[in-house]
């Protein structure tokens, strides 16, 4: 459960009963926003999360950042539930690990990257995800390894766990259709998909 076991409460408060048509993507954004706001005054967190910390709070809002990932990653919508579970797992398995405004962006892009690799048959390369996330390819490679260490390289999610999280999210939303993989993407020898030079991703920087 999220930090104080409040994930269900947070999600239930995230959307009103009248907002039936909204997808679970904004719900996830609201959960992360709530958690980071609650942890905004935390100045001491585990050294294990140092790699994910920005020098200053990124100017892009977490909801906009998540929508950017949805727009450009072309991963299945299940990946975002996987990513949420991975973030929850990282927090619960590591003492003094908190999601804060300084690390939420890097934690999010890394969790989605791992979710795509764990869930989808095809996925974009780390270099492509680094462009989406506004960080360097070298950094996202490092973050990927660090995240894996923090969750003991355990990316398995049981059907029961997945169903539980999905039920929480869909309780106040209907599933949003996430774009399928870009037809211009080509699979590399590693199994990841590379992007042709014509694919354009808007540039941002998360420092």
N, C-alpha and C. Protein backbone atom coordinates (compact mmCIF):
# COMPACT_ATOMS: atom_id res chain seq x y z
N UNK A 1 0.83 -1.19 0.00
CA UNK A 1 0.00 0.00 0.00
C UNK A 1 0.87 1.24 0.00
N UNK A 2 0.31 2.34 -0.51
CA UNK A 2 1.09 3.57 -0.61
C UNK A 2 1.41 4.11 0.76
N UNK A 3 2.67 4.07 1.17
CA UNK A 3 3.27 4.67 2.33
C UNK A 3 2.46 4.49 3.60
N UNK A 4 1.29 5.03 3.72
CA UNK A 4 0.50 4.86 4.93
C UNK A 4 -0.68 3.93 4.69
N UNK A 5 -0.59 3.12 3.65
CA UNK A 5 -1.68 2.23 3.32
C UNK A 5 -2.90 2.97 2.82
N UNK A 6 -2.68 4.13 2.20
CA UNK A 6 -3.81 4.99 1.87
C UNK A 6 -4.11 5.05 0.39
N UNK A 7 -3.58 4.11 -0.40
CA UNK A 7 -3.78 4.21 -1.85
C UNK A 7 -5.25 4.21 -2.22
N UNK A 8 -6.04 3.34 -1.59
CA UNK A 8 -7.46 3.28 -1.93
C UNK A 8 -8.15 4.58 -1.55
N UNK A 9 -7.81 5.13 -0.39
CA UNK A 9 -8.42 6.38 0.05
C UNK A 9 -8.04 7.52 -0.87
N UNK A 10 -6.77 7.57 -1.26
CA UNK A 10 -6.29 8.64 -2.14
C UNK A 10 -7.01 8.59 -3.47
N UNK A 11 -7.10 7.39 -4.05
CA UNK A 11 -7.73 7.26 -5.36
C UNK A 11 -9.22 7.60 -5.28
N UNK A 12 -9.86 7.17 -4.20
CA UNK A 12 -11.28 7.46 -4.05
C UNK A 12 -11.54 8.96 -3.97
N UNK A 13 -10.59 9.71 -3.43
CA UNK A 13 -10.74 11.15 -3.30
C UNK A 13 -10.31 11.89 -4.56
N UNK A 14 -9.67 11.16 -5.49
CA UNK A 14 -9.06 11.82 -6.63
C UNK A 14 -10.08 12.31 -7.64
N UNK A 15 -11.22 11.60 -7.78
CA UNK A 15 -12.17 11.95 -8.80
C UNK A 15 -13.58 11.88 -8.22
N UNK A 16 -14.45 12.75 -8.71
CA UNK A 16 -15.83 12.78 -8.24
C UNK A 16 -16.66 11.74 -8.98
N UNK A 17 -17.87 11.46 -8.44
CA UNK A 17 -18.76 10.50 -9.07
C UNK A 17 -19.25 10.99 -10.43
N UNK A 18 -19.24 12.31 -10.63
CA UNK A 18 -19.72 12.87 -11.89
C UNK A 18 -18.70 12.78 -13.01
N UNK A 19 -17.48 12.42 -12.67
CA UNK A 19 -16.41 12.40 -13.65
C UNK A 19 -16.18 10.99 -14.17
N UNK A 20 -17.27 10.34 -14.58
CA UNK A 20 -17.24 8.94 -14.96
C UNK A 20 -16.42 8.68 -16.22
N UNK A 21 -16.29 9.66 -17.09
CA UNK A 21 -15.64 9.43 -18.37
C UNK A 21 -14.13 9.62 -18.34
N UNK A 22 -13.61 10.12 -17.24
CA UNK A 22 -12.16 10.34 -17.15
C UNK A 22 -11.44 9.01 -17.08
N UNK A 23 -10.25 8.95 -17.61
CA UNK A 23 -9.47 7.71 -17.59
C UNK A 23 -8.74 7.55 -16.28
N UNK A 24 -8.11 6.40 -16.10
CA UNK A 24 -7.36 6.20 -14.87
C UNK A 24 -6.00 6.89 -14.91
N UNK A 25 -5.59 7.40 -16.06
CA UNK A 25 -4.32 8.13 -16.14
C UNK A 25 -4.34 9.37 -15.26
N UNK A 26 -5.38 10.20 -15.33
CA UNK A 26 -5.44 11.34 -14.40
C UNK A 26 -5.54 10.91 -12.95
N UNK A 27 -6.14 9.74 -12.68
CA UNK A 27 -6.22 9.25 -11.32
C UNK A 27 -4.82 8.97 -10.79
N UNK A 28 -4.00 8.31 -11.60
CA UNK A 28 -2.62 8.03 -11.20
C UNK A 28 -1.88 9.34 -10.96
N UNK A 29 -2.08 10.32 -11.83
CA UNK A 29 -1.43 11.61 -11.66
C UNK A 29 -1.86 12.25 -10.34
N UNK A 30 -3.14 12.15 -10.01
CA UNK A 30 -3.64 12.73 -8.76
C UNK A 30 -3.04 12.02 -7.54
N UNK A 31 -2.90 10.70 -7.64
CA UNK A 31 -2.29 9.95 -6.54
C UNK A 31 -0.86 10.43 -6.32
N UNK A 32 -0.10 10.53 -7.40
CA UNK A 32 1.30 10.96 -7.29
C UNK A 32 1.40 12.40 -6.79
N UNK A 33 0.50 13.24 -7.25
CA UNK A 33 0.48 14.63 -6.79
C UNK A 33 0.21 14.69 -5.30
N UNK A 34 -0.75 13.90 -4.84
CA UNK A 34 -1.08 13.87 -3.41
C UNK A 34 0.11 13.41 -2.59
N UNK A 35 0.76 12.35 -3.06
CA UNK A 35 1.91 11.81 -2.32
C UNK A 35 3.05 12.83 -2.27
N UNK A 36 3.35 13.46 -3.40
CA UNK A 36 4.46 14.42 -3.43
C UNK A 36 4.15 15.66 -2.61
N UNK A 37 2.89 16.10 -2.62
CA UNK A 37 2.52 17.25 -1.79
C UNK A 37 2.68 16.92 -0.31
N UNK A 38 2.28 15.72 0.05
CA UNK A 38 2.39 15.30 1.45
C UNK A 38 3.85 15.18 1.87
N UNK A 39 4.71 14.83 0.92
CA UNK A 39 6.12 14.65 1.23
C UNK A 39 6.99 15.85 0.86
N UNK A 40 6.36 16.97 0.56
CA UNK A 40 7.12 18.13 0.08
C UNK A 40 8.07 18.71 1.12
N UNK A 41 7.78 18.47 2.39
CA UNK A 41 8.61 19.01 3.45
C UNK A 41 9.69 18.03 3.91
N UNK A 42 9.70 16.83 3.34
CA UNK A 42 10.70 15.85 3.72
C UNK A 42 12.06 16.24 3.15
N UNK A 43 13.02 16.40 4.01
CA UNK A 43 14.36 16.80 3.58
C UNK A 43 15.36 15.66 3.64
N UNK A 44 15.00 14.60 4.37
CA UNK A 44 15.90 13.46 4.49
C UNK A 44 15.21 12.23 3.93
N UNK A 45 15.79 11.64 2.93
CA UNK A 45 15.26 10.42 2.35
C UNK A 45 16.42 9.47 2.10
N UNK A 46 16.13 8.26 1.77
CA UNK A 46 17.17 7.26 1.62
C UNK A 46 18.20 7.66 0.56
N UNK A 47 19.47 7.40 0.86
CA UNK A 47 20.53 7.67 -0.11
C UNK A 47 20.35 6.83 -1.37
N UNK A 48 19.58 5.75 -1.26
CA UNK A 48 19.34 4.90 -2.41
C UNK A 48 18.57 5.62 -3.50
N UNK A 49 17.84 6.67 -3.13
CA UNK A 49 17.05 7.42 -4.11
C UNK A 49 17.77 8.65 -4.64
N UNK A 50 19.00 8.86 -4.21
CA UNK A 50 19.74 10.06 -4.62
C UNK A 50 19.81 10.18 -6.13
N UNK A 51 19.98 9.07 -6.82
CA UNK A 51 20.12 9.10 -8.28
C UNK A 51 18.88 9.68 -8.96
N UNK A 52 17.73 9.60 -8.30
CA UNK A 52 16.48 10.06 -8.90
C UNK A 52 16.19 11.53 -8.59
N UNK A 53 16.99 12.16 -7.77
CA UNK A 53 16.71 13.52 -7.33
C UNK A 53 17.16 14.56 -8.35
N UNK A 54 16.28 15.52 -8.60
CA UNK A 54 16.62 16.69 -9.40
C UNK A 54 17.27 17.74 -8.52
N UNK A 55 18.05 18.61 -9.12
CA UNK A 55 18.66 19.71 -8.37
C UNK A 55 17.60 20.68 -7.88
N UNK A 56 16.54 20.81 -8.66
CA UNK A 56 15.40 21.64 -8.27
C UNK A 56 14.14 20.96 -8.80
N UNK A 57 13.00 21.35 -8.28
CA UNK A 57 11.75 20.73 -8.71
C UNK A 57 11.51 21.05 -10.18
N UNK A 58 11.34 20.03 -11.02
CA UNK A 58 11.09 20.28 -12.45
C UNK A 58 9.85 21.15 -12.66
N UNK A 59 9.89 22.05 -13.64
CA UNK A 59 8.76 22.96 -13.84
C UNK A 59 7.51 22.28 -14.41
N UNK A 60 7.67 21.14 -15.07
CA UNK A 60 6.52 20.46 -15.66
C UNK A 60 5.73 19.73 -14.57
N UNK A 61 4.43 19.95 -14.54
CA UNK A 61 3.57 19.31 -13.55
C UNK A 61 3.52 17.81 -13.78
N UNK A 62 3.32 17.06 -12.71
CA UNK A 62 3.36 15.61 -12.82
C UNK A 62 2.27 15.09 -13.75
N UNK A 63 1.09 15.75 -13.74
CA UNK A 63 0.03 15.33 -14.65
C UNK A 63 0.42 15.52 -16.10
N UNK A 64 1.04 16.65 -16.41
CA UNK A 64 1.49 16.93 -17.78
C UNK A 64 2.62 15.97 -18.18
N UNK A 65 3.49 15.67 -17.22
CA UNK A 65 4.60 14.75 -17.49
C UNK A 65 4.06 13.36 -17.80
N UNK A 66 3.08 12.92 -17.04
CA UNK A 66 2.49 11.61 -17.28
C UNK A 66 1.78 11.58 -18.63
N UNK A 67 1.06 12.64 -18.96
CA UNK A 67 0.40 12.68 -20.26
C UNK A 67 1.41 12.69 -21.40
N UNK A 68 2.56 13.29 -21.19
CA UNK A 68 3.62 13.27 -22.20
C UNK A 68 4.09 11.83 -22.42
N UNK A 69 4.26 11.09 -21.34
CA UNK A 69 4.68 9.70 -21.46
C UNK A 69 3.62 8.89 -22.21
N UNK A 70 2.35 9.10 -21.85
CA UNK A 70 1.25 8.41 -22.53
C UNK A 70 1.27 8.72 -24.02
N UNK A 71 1.50 9.98 -24.37
CA UNK A 71 1.46 10.41 -25.76
C UNK A 71 2.57 9.79 -26.59
N UNK A 72 3.78 9.72 -26.05
CA UNK A 72 4.93 9.34 -26.86
C UNK A 72 5.43 7.91 -26.65
N UNK A 73 5.11 7.28 -25.52
CA UNK A 73 5.68 5.96 -25.25
C UNK A 73 5.00 4.85 -26.05
N UNK A 74 3.76 5.05 -26.41
CA UNK A 74 3.01 4.06 -27.18
C UNK A 74 3.01 2.69 -26.51
N UNK A 75 3.03 2.66 -25.20
CA UNK A 75 2.97 1.38 -24.50
C UNK A 75 1.51 1.06 -24.17
N UNK A 76 1.26 -0.17 -23.81
CA UNK A 76 -0.10 -0.58 -23.46
C UNK A 76 -0.56 0.13 -22.19
N UNK A 77 -1.87 0.29 -22.05
CA UNK A 77 -2.36 0.98 -20.86
C UNK A 77 -2.09 0.17 -19.60
N UNK A 78 -1.91 -1.14 -19.74
CA UNK A 78 -1.56 -1.96 -18.58
C UNK A 78 -0.23 -1.55 -17.97
N UNK A 79 0.65 -0.99 -18.79
CA UNK A 79 1.97 -0.59 -18.30
C UNK A 79 1.88 0.45 -17.19
N UNK A 80 0.88 1.30 -17.24
CA UNK A 80 0.78 2.34 -16.24
C UNK A 80 0.31 1.79 -14.90
N UNK A 81 -0.47 0.71 -14.94
CA UNK A 81 -0.82 0.02 -13.70
C UNK A 81 0.41 -0.71 -13.17
N UNK A 82 1.16 -1.35 -14.08
CA UNK A 82 2.41 -1.99 -13.68
C UNK A 82 3.35 -0.99 -13.03
N UNK A 83 3.46 0.19 -13.65
CA UNK A 83 4.36 1.22 -13.13
C UNK A 83 3.95 1.65 -11.73
N UNK A 84 2.65 1.79 -11.51
CA UNK A 84 2.15 2.16 -10.19
C UNK A 84 2.51 1.10 -9.15
N UNK A 85 2.36 -0.15 -9.53
CA UNK A 85 2.70 -1.25 -8.63
C UNK A 85 4.20 -1.25 -8.33
N UNK A 86 5.01 -1.01 -9.34
CA UNK A 86 6.47 -0.97 -9.13
C UNK A 86 6.86 0.15 -8.18
N UNK A 87 6.24 1.31 -8.33
CA UNK A 87 6.53 2.43 -7.43
C UNK A 87 6.12 2.08 -5.99
N UNK A 88 4.97 1.45 -5.87
CA UNK A 88 4.50 1.03 -4.54
C UNK A 88 5.48 0.02 -3.94
N UNK A 89 5.93 -0.89 -4.76
CA UNK A 89 6.87 -1.92 -4.30
C UNK A 89 8.19 -1.31 -3.84
N UNK A 90 8.68 -0.34 -4.59
CA UNK A 90 9.94 0.33 -4.23
C UNK A 90 9.81 1.00 -2.86
N UNK A 91 8.70 1.68 -2.64
CA UNK A 91 8.49 2.40 -1.38
C UNK A 91 8.40 1.44 -0.20
N UNK A 92 7.62 0.39 -0.36
CA UNK A 92 7.36 -0.51 0.77
C UNK A 92 8.55 -1.39 1.11
N UNK A 93 9.43 -1.63 0.14
CA UNK A 93 10.56 -2.52 0.37
C UNK A 93 11.82 -1.80 0.84
N UNK A 94 11.79 -0.48 0.87
CA UNK A 94 13.00 0.27 1.21
C UNK A 94 12.68 1.33 2.26
N UNK A 95 13.38 1.26 3.36
CA UNK A 95 13.16 2.18 4.47
C UNK A 95 13.55 3.61 4.09
N UNK A 96 12.72 4.54 4.51
CA UNK A 96 12.96 5.97 4.28
C UNK A 96 13.01 6.35 2.81
N UNK A 97 12.38 5.55 1.97
CA UNK A 97 12.25 5.92 0.56
C UNK A 97 10.90 6.61 0.37
N UNK A 98 10.94 7.86 -0.05
CA UNK A 98 9.72 8.64 -0.22
C UNK A 98 9.68 9.23 -1.62
N UNK A 99 8.49 9.28 -2.19
CA UNK A 99 8.30 9.98 -3.46
C UNK A 99 8.08 11.45 -3.14
N UNK A 100 8.92 12.30 -3.69
CA UNK A 100 8.87 13.73 -3.41
C UNK A 100 8.81 14.51 -4.72
N UNK A 101 8.55 15.81 -4.66
CA UNK A 101 8.55 16.62 -5.89
C UNK A 101 9.89 16.60 -6.61
N UNK A 102 10.97 16.25 -5.90
CA UNK A 102 12.30 16.26 -6.51
C UNK A 102 12.62 14.97 -7.26
N UNK A 103 11.94 13.89 -6.94
CA UNK A 103 12.30 12.62 -7.59
C UNK A 103 11.17 11.94 -8.34
N UNK A 104 9.95 12.47 -8.25
CA UNK A 104 8.81 11.78 -8.82
C UNK A 104 8.91 11.61 -10.34
N UNK A 105 9.47 12.59 -11.04
CA UNK A 105 9.54 12.52 -12.49
C UNK A 105 10.46 11.38 -12.95
N UNK A 106 11.64 11.31 -12.36
CA UNK A 106 12.57 10.25 -12.73
C UNK A 106 12.07 8.87 -12.32
N UNK A 107 11.44 8.80 -11.15
CA UNK A 107 10.88 7.53 -10.73
C UNK A 107 9.77 7.09 -11.68
N UNK A 108 8.97 8.02 -12.13
CA UNK A 108 7.86 7.69 -13.02
C UNK A 108 8.34 7.20 -14.37
N UNK A 109 9.22 7.94 -15.02
CA UNK A 109 9.69 7.53 -16.35
C UNK A 109 10.41 6.19 -16.28
N UNK A 110 11.14 5.95 -15.19
CA UNK A 110 11.85 4.69 -15.05
C UNK A 110 10.89 3.54 -14.82
N UNK A 111 9.87 3.77 -14.01
CA UNK A 111 8.89 2.70 -13.74
C UNK A 111 8.11 2.34 -15.00
N UNK A 112 7.79 3.32 -15.83
CA UNK A 112 7.08 3.03 -17.07
C UNK A 112 7.98 2.29 -18.04
N UNK A 113 9.24 2.68 -18.11
CA UNK A 113 10.21 1.98 -18.95
C UNK A 113 10.28 0.50 -18.57
N UNK A 114 10.41 0.22 -17.28
CA UNK A 114 10.49 -1.16 -16.81
C UNK A 114 9.17 -1.90 -17.03
N UNK A 115 8.06 -1.19 -16.88
CA UNK A 115 6.77 -1.80 -17.11
C UNK A 115 6.60 -2.21 -18.57
N UNK A 116 7.04 -1.35 -19.47
CA UNK A 116 6.95 -1.66 -20.89
C UNK A 116 7.80 -2.89 -21.24
N UNK A 117 8.97 -2.96 -20.67
CA UNK A 117 9.84 -4.11 -20.93
C UNK A 117 9.29 -5.39 -20.32
N UNK A 118 8.63 -5.24 -19.17
CA UNK A 118 8.09 -6.41 -18.49
C UNK A 118 6.75 -6.86 -19.02
N UNK A 119 5.98 -5.93 -19.57
CA UNK A 119 4.61 -6.23 -19.97
C UNK A 119 4.42 -6.38 -21.47
N UNK A 120 5.03 -5.52 -22.26
CA UNK A 120 4.74 -5.47 -23.69
C UNK A 120 5.69 -6.33 -24.52
N UNK A 121 5.22 -6.82 -25.64
CA UNK A 121 6.06 -7.61 -26.53
C UNK A 121 7.06 -6.72 -27.27
N UNK A 122 6.66 -5.49 -27.53
CA UNK A 122 7.55 -4.54 -28.19
C UNK A 122 7.59 -3.26 -27.38
N UNK A 123 8.70 -2.59 -27.41
CA UNK A 123 8.86 -1.37 -26.62
C UNK A 123 10.00 -0.55 -27.21
N UNK A 124 10.01 0.73 -26.91
CA UNK A 124 11.04 1.62 -27.41
C UNK A 124 12.32 1.48 -26.60
N UNK A 125 13.40 1.93 -27.20
CA UNK A 125 14.72 1.84 -26.58
C UNK A 125 14.85 2.81 -25.42
N UNK A 126 15.87 2.59 -24.59
CA UNK A 126 16.15 3.50 -23.48
C UNK A 126 16.43 4.90 -23.98
N UNK A 127 17.09 5.01 -25.12
CA UNK A 127 17.40 6.33 -25.68
C UNK A 127 16.12 7.10 -25.98
N UNK A 128 15.13 6.39 -26.50
CA UNK A 128 13.85 7.04 -26.80
C UNK A 128 13.16 7.48 -25.51
N UNK A 129 13.16 6.62 -24.50
CA UNK A 129 12.54 6.98 -23.22
C UNK A 129 13.27 8.15 -22.56
N UNK A 130 14.57 8.23 -22.75
CA UNK A 130 15.30 9.36 -22.18
C UNK A 130 14.86 10.67 -22.83
N UNK A 131 14.55 10.62 -24.13
CA UNK A 131 14.06 11.82 -24.82
C UNK A 131 12.68 12.20 -24.32
N UNK A 132 11.84 11.21 -24.07
CA UNK A 132 10.51 11.49 -23.51
C UNK A 132 10.64 12.12 -22.13
N UNK A 133 11.53 11.55 -21.33
CA UNK A 133 11.65 11.98 -19.94
C UNK A 133 12.47 13.23 -19.70
N UNK A 134 13.18 13.69 -20.71
CA UNK A 134 13.97 14.91 -20.55
C UNK A 134 15.28 14.71 -19.82
N UNK A 135 15.82 13.48 -19.89
CA UNK A 135 17.11 13.18 -19.27
C UNK A 135 17.99 12.48 -20.31
N UNK A 136 19.25 12.27 -19.97
CA UNK A 136 20.16 11.67 -20.93
C UNK A 136 20.00 10.16 -20.96
N UNK A 137 20.47 9.57 -22.05
CA UNK A 137 20.44 8.11 -22.18
C UNK A 137 21.30 7.45 -21.11
N UNK A 138 22.45 8.05 -20.82
CA UNK A 138 23.33 7.52 -19.78
C UNK A 138 22.61 7.50 -18.44
N UNK A 139 21.88 8.58 -18.14
CA UNK A 139 21.20 8.66 -16.85
C UNK A 139 20.07 7.65 -16.75
N UNK A 140 19.27 7.50 -17.80
CA UNK A 140 18.14 6.57 -17.69
C UNK A 140 18.64 5.13 -17.57
N UNK A 141 19.79 4.84 -18.17
CA UNK A 141 20.38 3.51 -18.00
C UNK A 141 20.74 3.27 -16.54
N UNK A 142 21.30 4.30 -15.92
CA UNK A 142 21.67 4.20 -14.50
C UNK A 142 20.43 4.08 -13.62
N UNK A 143 19.41 4.87 -13.92
CA UNK A 143 18.18 4.83 -13.13
C UNK A 143 17.49 3.48 -13.24
N UNK A 144 17.54 2.89 -14.41
CA UNK A 144 16.92 1.58 -14.61
C UNK A 144 17.56 0.53 -13.70
N UNK A 145 18.88 0.52 -13.66
CA UNK A 145 19.59 -0.45 -12.82
C UNK A 145 19.31 -0.17 -11.34
N UNK A 146 19.33 1.11 -10.96
CA UNK A 146 19.08 1.47 -9.56
C UNK A 146 17.69 1.05 -9.12
N UNK A 147 16.71 1.27 -9.97
CA UNK A 147 15.33 0.89 -9.66
C UNK A 147 15.24 -0.62 -9.49
N UNK A 148 15.87 -1.36 -10.39
CA UNK A 148 15.84 -2.82 -10.31
C UNK A 148 16.44 -3.32 -9.01
N UNK A 149 17.53 -2.71 -8.59
CA UNK A 149 18.17 -3.10 -7.33
C UNK A 149 17.22 -2.85 -6.16
N UNK A 150 16.53 -1.71 -6.18
CA UNK A 150 15.64 -1.34 -5.08
C UNK A 150 14.43 -2.27 -4.96
N UNK A 151 14.04 -2.89 -6.06
CA UNK A 151 12.92 -3.84 -6.00
C UNK A 151 13.41 -5.28 -6.09
N UNK A 152 14.69 -5.47 -5.82
CA UNK A 152 15.30 -6.81 -5.83
C UNK A 152 15.10 -7.52 -7.16
N UNK A 153 15.10 -6.75 -8.24
CA UNK A 153 14.95 -7.29 -9.59
C UNK A 153 13.64 -8.07 -9.75
N UNK A 154 12.68 -7.78 -8.91
CA UNK A 154 11.40 -8.47 -8.95
C UNK A 154 10.38 -7.63 -9.71
N UNK A 155 10.15 -7.98 -10.97
CA UNK A 155 9.17 -7.28 -11.78
C UNK A 155 7.91 -8.11 -12.01
N UNK A 156 7.84 -9.25 -11.36
CA UNK A 156 6.66 -10.11 -11.50
C UNK A 156 5.47 -9.50 -10.78
N UNK A 157 4.34 -9.51 -11.46
CA UNK A 157 3.09 -9.04 -10.86
C UNK A 157 2.05 -10.12 -11.06
N UNK A 158 1.49 -10.60 -9.99
CA UNK A 158 0.50 -11.66 -10.08
C UNK A 158 -0.80 -11.11 -10.65
N UNK A 159 -1.60 -11.96 -11.27
CA UNK A 159 -2.90 -11.51 -11.79
C UNK A 159 -3.77 -10.92 -10.70
N UNK A 160 -3.67 -11.46 -9.49
CA UNK A 160 -4.48 -10.97 -8.39
C UNK A 160 -4.08 -9.55 -7.99
N UNK A 161 -2.77 -9.30 -7.92
CA UNK A 161 -2.29 -7.96 -7.58
C UNK A 161 -2.68 -6.96 -8.65
N UNK A 162 -2.50 -7.34 -9.90
CA UNK A 162 -2.86 -6.45 -11.00
C UNK A 162 -4.36 -6.12 -10.95
N UNK A 163 -5.18 -7.13 -10.73
CA UNK A 163 -6.62 -6.92 -10.69
C UNK A 163 -7.01 -5.99 -9.55
N UNK A 164 -6.32 -6.10 -8.42
CA UNK A 164 -6.62 -5.26 -7.27
C UNK A 164 -6.35 -3.80 -7.58
N UNK A 165 -5.18 -3.52 -8.13
CA UNK A 165 -4.84 -2.13 -8.45
C UNK A 165 -5.75 -1.58 -9.55
N UNK A 166 -6.03 -2.41 -10.54
CA UNK A 166 -6.90 -1.95 -11.63
C UNK A 166 -8.29 -1.63 -11.10
N UNK A 167 -8.80 -2.45 -10.21
CA UNK A 167 -10.12 -2.21 -9.63
C UNK A 167 -10.15 -0.89 -8.88
N UNK A 168 -9.08 -0.58 -8.14
CA UNK A 168 -9.00 0.69 -7.43
C UNK A 168 -9.09 1.86 -8.42
N UNK A 169 -8.32 1.74 -9.50
CA UNK A 169 -8.27 2.84 -10.46
C UNK A 169 -9.57 3.00 -11.24
N UNK A 170 -10.15 1.88 -11.62
CA UNK A 170 -11.35 1.93 -12.43
C UNK A 170 -12.61 2.19 -11.62
N UNK A 171 -12.48 2.18 -10.33
CA UNK A 171 -13.64 2.43 -9.47
C UNK A 171 -14.26 3.78 -9.78
N UNK A 172 -13.45 4.77 -10.16
CA UNK A 172 -13.95 6.11 -10.42
C UNK A 172 -13.60 6.58 -11.84
N UNK A 173 -13.31 5.63 -12.72
CA UNK A 173 -12.95 6.04 -14.07
C UNK A 173 -13.27 4.94 -15.05
N UNK A 174 -13.22 5.28 -16.31
CA UNK A 174 -13.32 4.30 -17.38
C UNK A 174 -11.99 4.29 -18.10
N UNK A 175 -11.62 3.13 -18.63
CA UNK A 175 -10.29 2.98 -19.23
C UNK A 175 -10.13 3.92 -20.42
N UNK A 176 -9.00 4.58 -20.44
CA UNK A 176 -8.65 5.47 -21.55
C UNK A 176 -7.88 4.67 -22.58
N UNK A 177 -8.23 4.84 -23.81
CA UNK A 177 -7.51 4.14 -24.86
C UNK A 177 -6.15 4.77 -25.05
N UNK A 178 -5.12 3.97 -24.90
CA UNK A 178 -3.76 4.45 -25.08
C UNK A 178 -3.31 4.09 -26.48
N UNK A 179 -2.67 5.01 -27.22
CA UNK A 179 -2.27 4.73 -28.59
C UNK A 179 -1.43 3.47 -28.69
N UNK A 180 -1.63 2.72 -29.76
CA UNK A 180 -0.83 1.52 -29.99
C UNK A 180 0.57 1.91 -30.42
N UNK A 181 1.44 0.93 -30.50
CA UNK A 181 2.82 1.19 -30.88
C UNK A 181 2.87 1.84 -32.25
N UNK A 182 3.75 2.82 -32.39
CA UNK A 182 3.88 3.54 -33.64
C UNK A 182 4.27 2.61 -34.77
N UNK A 183 3.61 2.71 -35.92
CA UNK A 183 3.97 1.86 -37.05
C UNK A 183 5.34 2.18 -37.60
N UNK A 184 5.89 3.33 -37.24
CA UNK A 184 7.23 3.69 -37.72
C UNK A 184 8.33 3.14 -36.84
N UNK A 185 7.95 2.45 -35.77
CA UNK A 185 8.94 1.87 -34.88
C UNK A 185 9.42 0.54 -35.42
N UNK A 186 10.69 0.28 -35.28
CA UNK A 186 11.28 -0.97 -35.76
C UNK A 186 11.98 -1.66 -34.62
N UNK A 187 11.87 -2.99 -34.57
CA UNK A 187 12.47 -3.75 -33.49
C UNK A 187 13.97 -3.89 -33.71
N UNK A 188 14.74 -3.63 -32.67
CA UNK A 188 16.19 -3.82 -32.73
C UNK A 188 16.53 -5.24 -32.33
N UNK A 189 17.78 -5.61 -32.44
CA UNK A 189 18.20 -6.96 -32.10
C UNK A 189 17.99 -7.27 -30.63
N UNK A 190 17.90 -6.22 -29.78
CA UNK A 190 17.72 -6.43 -28.35
C UNK A 190 16.26 -6.64 -27.97
N UNK A 191 15.35 -6.44 -28.94
CA UNK A 191 13.94 -6.58 -28.64
C UNK A 191 13.26 -5.24 -28.46
N UNK A 192 14.06 -4.20 -28.23
CA UNK A 192 13.49 -2.86 -28.09
C UNK A 192 13.23 -2.28 -29.48
N UNK A 193 12.35 -1.30 -29.53
CA UNK A 193 12.05 -0.66 -30.79
C UNK A 193 12.80 0.65 -30.89
N UNK A 194 13.44 0.87 -32.02
CA UNK A 194 14.12 2.13 -32.27
C UNK A 194 13.21 3.02 -33.10
N UNK A 195 13.49 4.30 -33.06
CA UNK A 195 12.64 5.27 -33.74
C UNK A 195 13.36 5.80 -34.96
N UNK A 196 12.63 5.84 -36.07
CA UNK A 196 13.22 6.39 -37.28
C UNK A 196 13.49 7.88 -37.08
N UNK A 197 14.38 8.40 -37.89
CA UNK A 197 14.79 9.80 -37.74
C UNK A 197 13.62 10.76 -37.92
N UNK A 198 12.58 10.31 -38.61
CA UNK A 198 11.44 11.20 -38.84
C UNK A 198 10.56 11.34 -37.60
N UNK A 199 10.73 10.45 -36.61
CA UNK A 199 9.91 10.53 -35.39
C UNK A 199 10.39 11.71 -34.56
N UNK A 200 9.47 12.60 -34.24
CA UNK A 200 9.83 13.80 -33.50
C UNK A 200 9.20 13.75 -32.11
N UNK A 201 10.02 13.96 -31.09
CA UNK A 201 9.54 14.03 -29.72
C UNK A 201 9.88 15.43 -29.21
N UNK A 202 8.88 16.14 -28.72
CA UNK A 202 9.13 17.47 -28.18
C UNK A 202 10.18 17.43 -27.07
N UNK A 203 11.06 18.40 -27.06
CA UNK A 203 12.17 18.39 -26.12
C UNK A 203 11.78 19.05 -24.80
N UNK A 204 12.10 18.37 -23.70
CA UNK A 204 11.99 18.95 -22.37
C UNK A 204 13.26 18.60 -21.61
N UNK A 205 13.46 19.22 -20.47
CA UNK A 205 14.61 18.91 -19.63
C UNK A 205 14.15 18.79 -18.19
N UNK A 206 14.55 17.69 -17.55
CA UNK A 206 14.26 17.49 -16.13
C UNK A 206 15.59 17.52 -15.42
N UNK A 207 15.89 18.59 -14.74
CA UNK A 207 17.19 18.76 -14.10
C UNK A 207 17.07 18.74 -12.59
